[in-house]
């Protein structure tokens, strides 16, 4: 079976003293991608009080 072009490039980099990209796969460097939660519609549609709204309604003059 023939080698892919990507595998040939990887092996060439290793021969030239470069870093192996296979060593970097799966490493998030301490980042936990599931800890941050985007605000959803309920935060804006059903606020607990006026301070939780994303905008302030116009006051009647």
PDB file of N, CA and C in Angstrom:
ATOM      1  N   UNK A   1       0.836  -1.187   0.000  1.00  0.00           N
ATOM      2  CA  UNK A   1       0.000   0.000   0.000  1.00  0.00           C
ATOM      3  C   UNK A   1       0.881   1.252   0.000  1.00  0.00           C
ATOM      4  N   UNK A   2       0.505   2.232  -0.756  1.00  0.00           N
ATOM      5  CA  UNK A   2       1.308   3.445  -0.910  1.00  0.00           C
ATOM      6  C   UNK A   2       1.134   4.373   0.285  1.00  0.00           C
ATOM      7  N   UNK A   3       2.137   5.214   0.502  1.00  0.00           N
ATOM      8  CA  UNK A   3       2.065   6.215   1.564  1.00  0.00           C
ATOM      9  C   UNK A   3       1.316   7.435   1.054  1.00  0.00           C
ATOM     10  N   UNK A   4       0.560   8.064   1.955  1.00  0.00           N
ATOM     11  CA  UNK A   4      -0.144   9.286   1.567  1.00  0.00           C
ATOM     12  C   UNK A   4       0.840  10.452   1.539  1.00  0.00           C
ATOM     13  N   UNK A   5       0.417  11.519   0.882  1.00  0.00           N
ATOM     14  CA  UNK A   5       1.268  12.711   0.803  1.00  0.00           C
ATOM     15  C   UNK A   5       1.476  13.313   2.181  1.00  0.00           C
ATOM     16  N   UNK A   6       0.445  13.271   3.028  1.00  0.00           N
ATOM     17  CA  UNK A   6       0.565  13.832   4.375  1.00  0.00           C
ATOM     18  C   UNK A   6       1.575  13.033   5.200  1.00  0.00           C
ATOM     19  N   UNK A   7       1.522  11.714   5.060  1.00  0.00           N
ATOM     20  CA  UNK A   7       2.467  10.886   5.809  1.00  0.00           C
ATOM     21  C   UNK A   7       3.898  11.120   5.332  1.00  0.00           C
ATOM     22  N   UNK A   8       4.079  11.324   4.036  1.00  0.00           N
ATOM     23  CA  UNK A   8       5.405  11.622   3.516  1.00  0.00           C
ATOM     24  C   UNK A   8       5.938  12.938   4.078  1.00  0.00           C
ATOM     25  N   UNK A   9       5.068  13.948   4.174  1.00  0.00           N
ATOM     26  CA  UNK A   9       5.490  15.235   4.737  1.00  0.00           C
ATOM     27  C   UNK A   9       5.868  15.094   6.203  1.00  0.00           C
ATOM     28  N   UNK A  10       5.081  14.308   6.954  1.00  0.00           N
ATOM     29  CA  UNK A  10       5.377  14.094   8.374  1.00  0.00           C
ATOM     30  C   UNK A  10       6.733  13.428   8.536  1.00  0.00           C
ATOM     31  N   UNK A  11       6.972  12.375   7.750  1.00  0.00           N
ATOM     32  CA  UNK A  11       8.237  11.662   7.865  1.00  0.00           C
ATOM     33  C   UNK A  11       9.412  12.545   7.440  1.00  0.00           C
ATOM     34  N   UNK A  12       9.206  13.392   6.462  1.00  0.00           N
ATOM     35  CA  UNK A  12      10.271  14.297   6.034  1.00  0.00           C
ATOM     36  C   UNK A  12      10.602  15.291   7.139  1.00  0.00           C
ATOM     37  N   UNK A  13       9.580  15.826   7.800  1.00  0.00           N
ATOM     38  CA  UNK A  13       9.827  16.754   8.908  1.00  0.00           C
ATOM     39  C   UNK A  13      10.583  16.072  10.035  1.00  0.00           C
ATOM     40  N   UNK A  14      10.229  14.806  10.331  1.00  0.00           N
ATOM     41  CA  UNK A  14      10.929  14.083  11.383  1.00  0.00           C
ATOM     42  C   UNK A  14      12.394  13.859  11.022  1.00  0.00           C
ATOM     43  N   UNK A  15      12.675  13.538   9.770  1.00  0.00           N
ATOM     44  CA  UNK A  15      14.051  13.343   9.336  1.00  0.00           C
ATOM     45  C   UNK A  15      14.856  14.633   9.450  1.00  0.00           C
ATOM     46  N   UNK A  16      14.204  15.766   9.233  1.00  0.00           N
ATOM     47  CA  UNK A  16      14.879  17.055   9.293  1.00  0.00           C
ATOM     48  C   UNK A  16      14.930  17.628  10.703  1.00  0.00           C
ATOM     49  N   UNK A  17      14.456  16.872  11.680  1.00  0.00           N
ATOM     50  CA  UNK A  17      14.533  17.307  13.073  1.00  0.00           C
ATOM     51  C   UNK A  17      13.318  18.081  13.540  1.00  0.00           C
ATOM     52  N   UNK A  18      12.241  18.051  12.792  1.00  0.00           N
ATOM     53  CA  UNK A  18      11.030  18.755  13.194  1.00  0.00           C
ATOM     54  C   UNK A  18      10.247  17.985  14.238  1.00  0.00           C
ATOM     55  N   UNK A  19       9.159  18.579  14.689  1.00  0.00           N
ATOM     56  CA  UNK A  19       8.325  17.961  15.714  1.00  0.00           C
ATOM     57  C   UNK A  19       7.264  17.071  15.080  1.00  0.00           C
ATOM     58  N   UNK A  20       6.943  15.995  15.764  1.00  0.00           N
ATOM     59  CA  UNK A  20       5.935  15.059  15.281  1.00  0.00           C
ATOM     60  C   UNK A  20       4.546  15.583  15.649  1.00  0.00           C
ATOM     61  N   UNK A  21       3.678  15.881  14.671  1.00  0.00           N
ATOM     62  CA  UNK A  21       2.346  16.400  15.005  1.00  0.00           C
ATOM     63  C   UNK A  21       1.467  15.375  15.701  1.00  0.00           C
ATOM     64  N   UNK A  22       1.826  14.109  15.609  1.00  0.00           N
ATOM     65  CA  UNK A  22       1.035  13.079  16.302  1.00  0.00           C
ATOM     66  C   UNK A  22       1.164  13.189  17.806  1.00  0.00           C
ATOM     67  N   UNK A  23       2.241  13.816  18.277  1.00  0.00           N
ATOM     68  CA  UNK A  23       2.427  13.994  19.714  1.00  0.00           C
ATOM     69  C   UNK A  23       1.502  15.082  20.271  1.00  0.00           C
ATOM     70  N   UNK A  24       1.046  15.982  19.408  1.00  0.00           N
ATOM     71  CA  UNK A  24       0.225  17.102  19.856  1.00  0.00           C
ATOM     72  C   UNK A  24      -1.262  16.809  19.795  1.00  0.00           C
ATOM     73  N   UNK A  25      -1.662  15.747  19.166  1.00  0.00           N
ATOM     74  CA  UNK A  25      -3.090  15.456  19.002  1.00  0.00           C
ATOM     75  C   UNK A  25      -3.735  15.110  20.330  1.00  0.00           C
ATOM     76  N   UNK A  26      -4.945  15.639  20.538  1.00  0.00           N
ATOM     77  CA  UNK A  26      -5.703  15.325  21.737  1.00  0.00           C
ATOM     78  C   UNK A  26      -5.273  16.098  22.967  1.00  0.00           C
ATOM     79  N   UNK A  27      -4.369  17.035  22.844  1.00  0.00           N
ATOM     80  CA  UNK A  27      -3.882  17.794  23.985  1.00  0.00           C
ATOM     81  C   UNK A  27      -4.527  19.178  23.979  1.00  0.00           C
ATOM     82  N   UNK A  28      -5.298  19.477  25.003  1.00  0.00           N
ATOM     83  CA  UNK A  28      -5.976  20.776  25.106  1.00  0.00           C
ATOM     84  C   UNK A  28      -5.186  21.773  25.931  1.00  0.00           C
ATOM     85  N   UNK A  29      -4.021  21.402  26.429  1.00  0.00           N
ATOM     86  CA  UNK A  29      -3.152  22.274  27.221  1.00  0.00           C
ATOM     87  C   UNK A  29      -3.875  22.902  28.409  1.00  0.00           C
ATOM     88  N   UNK A  30      -4.618  22.116  29.141  1.00  0.00           N
ATOM     89  CA  UNK A  30      -5.291  22.590  30.335  1.00  0.00           C
ATOM     90  C   UNK A  30      -6.624  23.261  30.087  1.00  0.00           C
ATOM     91  N   UNK A  31      -7.047  23.418  28.860  1.00  0.00           N
ATOM     92  CA  UNK A  31      -8.324  24.061  28.552  1.00  0.00           C
ATOM     93  C   UNK A  31      -9.448  23.030  28.674  1.00  0.00           C
ATOM     94  N   UNK A  32     -10.504  23.388  29.364  1.00  0.00           N
ATOM     95  CA  UNK A  32     -11.662  22.513  29.472  1.00  0.00           C
ATOM     96  C   UNK A  32     -12.776  23.125  28.621  1.00  0.00           C
ATOM     97  N   UNK A  33     -13.034  22.587  27.434  1.00  0.00           N
ATOM     98  CA  UNK A  33     -13.965  23.232  26.512  1.00  0.00           C
ATOM     99  C   UNK A  33     -15.421  23.194  26.958  1.00  0.00           C
ATOM    100  N   UNK A  34     -15.775  22.371  27.934  1.00  0.00           N
ATOM    101  CA  UNK A  34     -17.177  22.263  28.319  1.00  0.00           C
ATOM    102  C   UNK A  34     -17.527  23.128  29.519  1.00  0.00           C
ATOM    103  N   UNK A  35     -16.576  23.876  30.070  1.00  0.00           N
ATOM    104  CA  UNK A  35     -16.880  24.656  31.266  1.00  0.00           C
ATOM    105  C   UNK A  35     -17.598  25.958  30.939  1.00  0.00           C
ATOM    106  N   UNK A  36     -17.388  26.506  29.745  1.00  0.00           N
ATOM    107  CA  UNK A  36     -18.030  27.757  29.396  1.00  0.00           C
ATOM    108  C   UNK A  36     -19.376  27.479  28.738  1.00  0.00           C
ATOM    109  N   UNK A  37     -20.405  28.160  29.218  1.00  0.00           N
ATOM    110  CA  UNK A  37     -21.745  27.968  28.697  1.00  0.00           C
ATOM    111  C   UNK A  37     -22.218  29.279  28.086  1.00  0.00           C
ATOM    112  N   UNK A  38     -22.695  29.203  26.859  1.00  0.00           N
ATOM    113  CA  UNK A  38     -23.216  30.401  26.216  1.00  0.00           C
ATOM    114  C   UNK A  38     -24.561  30.768  26.841  1.00  0.00           C
ATOM    115  N   UNK A  39     -24.866  32.046  26.964  1.00  0.00           N
ATOM    116  CA  UNK A  39     -26.176  32.423  27.481  1.00  0.00           C
ATOM    117  C   UNK A  39     -27.263  32.016  26.497  1.00  0.00           C
ATOM    118  N   UNK A  40     -28.348  31.546  27.028  1.00  0.00           N
ATOM    119  CA  UNK A  40     -29.416  31.103  26.143  1.00  0.00           C
ATOM    120  C   UNK A  40     -30.563  32.118  26.132  1.00  0.00           C
ATOM    121  N   UNK A  41     -31.567  31.808  25.382  1.00  0.00           N
ATOM    122  CA  UNK A  41     -32.676  32.733  25.183  1.00  0.00           C
ATOM    123  C   UNK A  41     -33.420  33.020  26.483  1.00  0.00           C
ATOM    124  N   UNK A  42     -33.473  32.041  27.375  1.00  0.00           N
ATOM    125  CA  UNK A  42     -34.245  32.227  28.615  1.00  0.00           C
ATOM    126  C   UNK A  42     -33.702  33.362  29.470  1.00  0.00           C
ATOM    127  N   UNK A  43     -32.385  33.604  29.396  1.00  0.00           N
ATOM    128  CA  UNK A  43     -31.805  34.682  30.193  1.00  0.00           C
ATOM    129  C   UNK A  43     -32.376  36.028  29.774  1.00  0.00           C
ATOM    130  N   UNK A  44     -32.616  36.196  28.469  1.00  0.00           N
ATOM    131  CA  UNK A  44     -33.111  37.472  27.963  1.00  0.00           C
ATOM    132  C   UNK A  44     -34.629  37.521  27.890  1.00  0.00           C
ATOM    133  N   UNK A  45     -35.272  36.399  27.629  1.00  0.00           N
ATOM    134  CA  UNK A  45     -36.718  36.403  27.450  1.00  0.00           C
ATOM    135  C   UNK A  45     -37.462  36.420  28.775  1.00  0.00           C
ATOM    136  N   UNK A  46     -36.915  35.748  29.785  1.00  0.00           N
ATOM    137  CA  UNK A  46     -37.610  35.646  31.064  1.00  0.00           C
ATOM    138  C   UNK A  46     -36.683  36.048  32.205  1.00  0.00           C
ATOM    139  N   UNK A  47     -36.339  37.329  32.310  1.00  0.00           N
ATOM    140  CA  UNK A  47     -35.421  37.741  33.375  1.00  0.00           C
ATOM    141  C   UNK A  47     -36.113  37.724  34.738  1.00  0.00           C
ATOM    142  N   UNK A  48     -35.313  37.593  35.780  1.00  0.00           N
ATOM    143  CA  UNK A  48     -35.855  37.602  37.141  1.00  0.00           C
ATOM    144  C   UNK A  48     -36.308  39.002  37.529  1.00  0.00           C
ATOM    145  N   UNK A  49     -35.536  39.992  37.101  1.00  0.00           N
ATOM    146  CA  UNK A  49     -35.910  41.381  37.353  1.00  0.00           C
ATOM    147  C   UNK A  49     -35.367  42.242  36.217  1.00  0.00           C
ATOM    148  N   UNK A  50     -35.600  43.537  36.275  1.00  0.00           N
ATOM    149  CA  UNK A  50     -35.211  44.424  35.183  1.00  0.00           C
ATOM    150  C   UNK A  50     -33.697  44.509  35.010  1.00  0.00           C
ATOM    151  N   UNK A  51     -32.933  44.262  36.081  1.00  0.00           N
ATOM    152  CA  UNK A  51     -31.480  44.355  35.977  1.00  0.00           C
ATOM    153  C   UNK A  51     -30.894  43.212  35.151  1.00  0.00           C
ATOM    154  N   UNK A  52     -31.626  42.100  35.011  1.00  0.00           N
ATOM    155  CA  UNK A  52     -31.125  40.955  34.261  1.00  0.00           C
ATOM    156  C   UNK A  52     -31.370  41.088  32.765  1.00  0.00           C
ATOM    157  N   UNK A  53     -32.118  42.089  32.347  1.00  0.00           N
ATOM    158  CA  UNK A  53     -32.399  42.233  30.919  1.00  0.00           C
ATOM    159  C   UNK A  53     -31.146  42.688  30.176  1.00  0.00           C
ATOM    160  N   UNK A  54     -31.043  42.304  28.926  1.00  0.00           N
ATOM    161  CA  UNK A  54     -29.911  42.719  28.115  1.00  0.00           C
ATOM    162  C   UNK A  54     -30.059  44.142  27.633  1.00  0.00           C
ATOM    163  N   UNK A  55     -31.239  44.708  27.752  1.00  0.00           N
ATOM    164  CA  UNK A  55     -31.482  46.070  27.310  1.00  0.00           C
ATOM    165  C   UNK A  55     -32.408  46.737  28.317  1.00  0.00           C
ATOM    166  N   UNK A  56     -32.440  48.045  28.308  1.00  0.00           N
ATOM    167  CA  UNK A  56     -33.329  48.793  29.190  1.00  0.00           C
ATOM    168  C   UNK A  56     -34.472  49.357  28.367  1.00  0.00           C
ATOM    169  N   UNK A  57     -35.716  49.125  28.766  1.00  0.00           N
ATOM    170  CA  UNK A  57     -36.834  49.690  28.015  1.00  0.00           C
ATOM    171  C   UNK A  57     -36.850  51.210  28.124  1.00  0.00           C
ATOM    172  N   UNK A  58     -37.365  51.859  27.107  1.00  0.00           N
ATOM    173  CA  UNK A  58     -37.445  53.326  27.103  1.00  0.00           C
ATOM    174  C   UNK A  58     -38.442  53.787  28.169  1.00  0.00           C
ATOM    175  N   UNK A  59     -38.051  54.803  28.875  1.00  0.00           N
ATOM    176  CA  UNK A  59     -38.918  55.345  29.932  1.00  0.00           C
ATOM    177  C   UNK A  59     -39.950  56.294  29.328  1.00  0.00           C
ATOM    178  N   UNK A  60     -41.170  56.252  29.851  1.00  0.00           N
ATOM    179  CA  UNK A  60     -42.226  57.165  29.379  1.00  0.00           C
ATOM    180  C   UNK A  60     -41.930  58.559  29.962  1.00  0.00           C
ATOM    181  N   UNK A  61     -42.084  59.566  29.131  1.00  0.00           N
ATOM    182  CA  UNK A  61     -41.791  60.940  29.567  1.00  0.00           C
ATOM    183  C   UNK A  61     -43.009  61.615  30.093  1.00  0.00           C
TER     184      UNK A  61
END
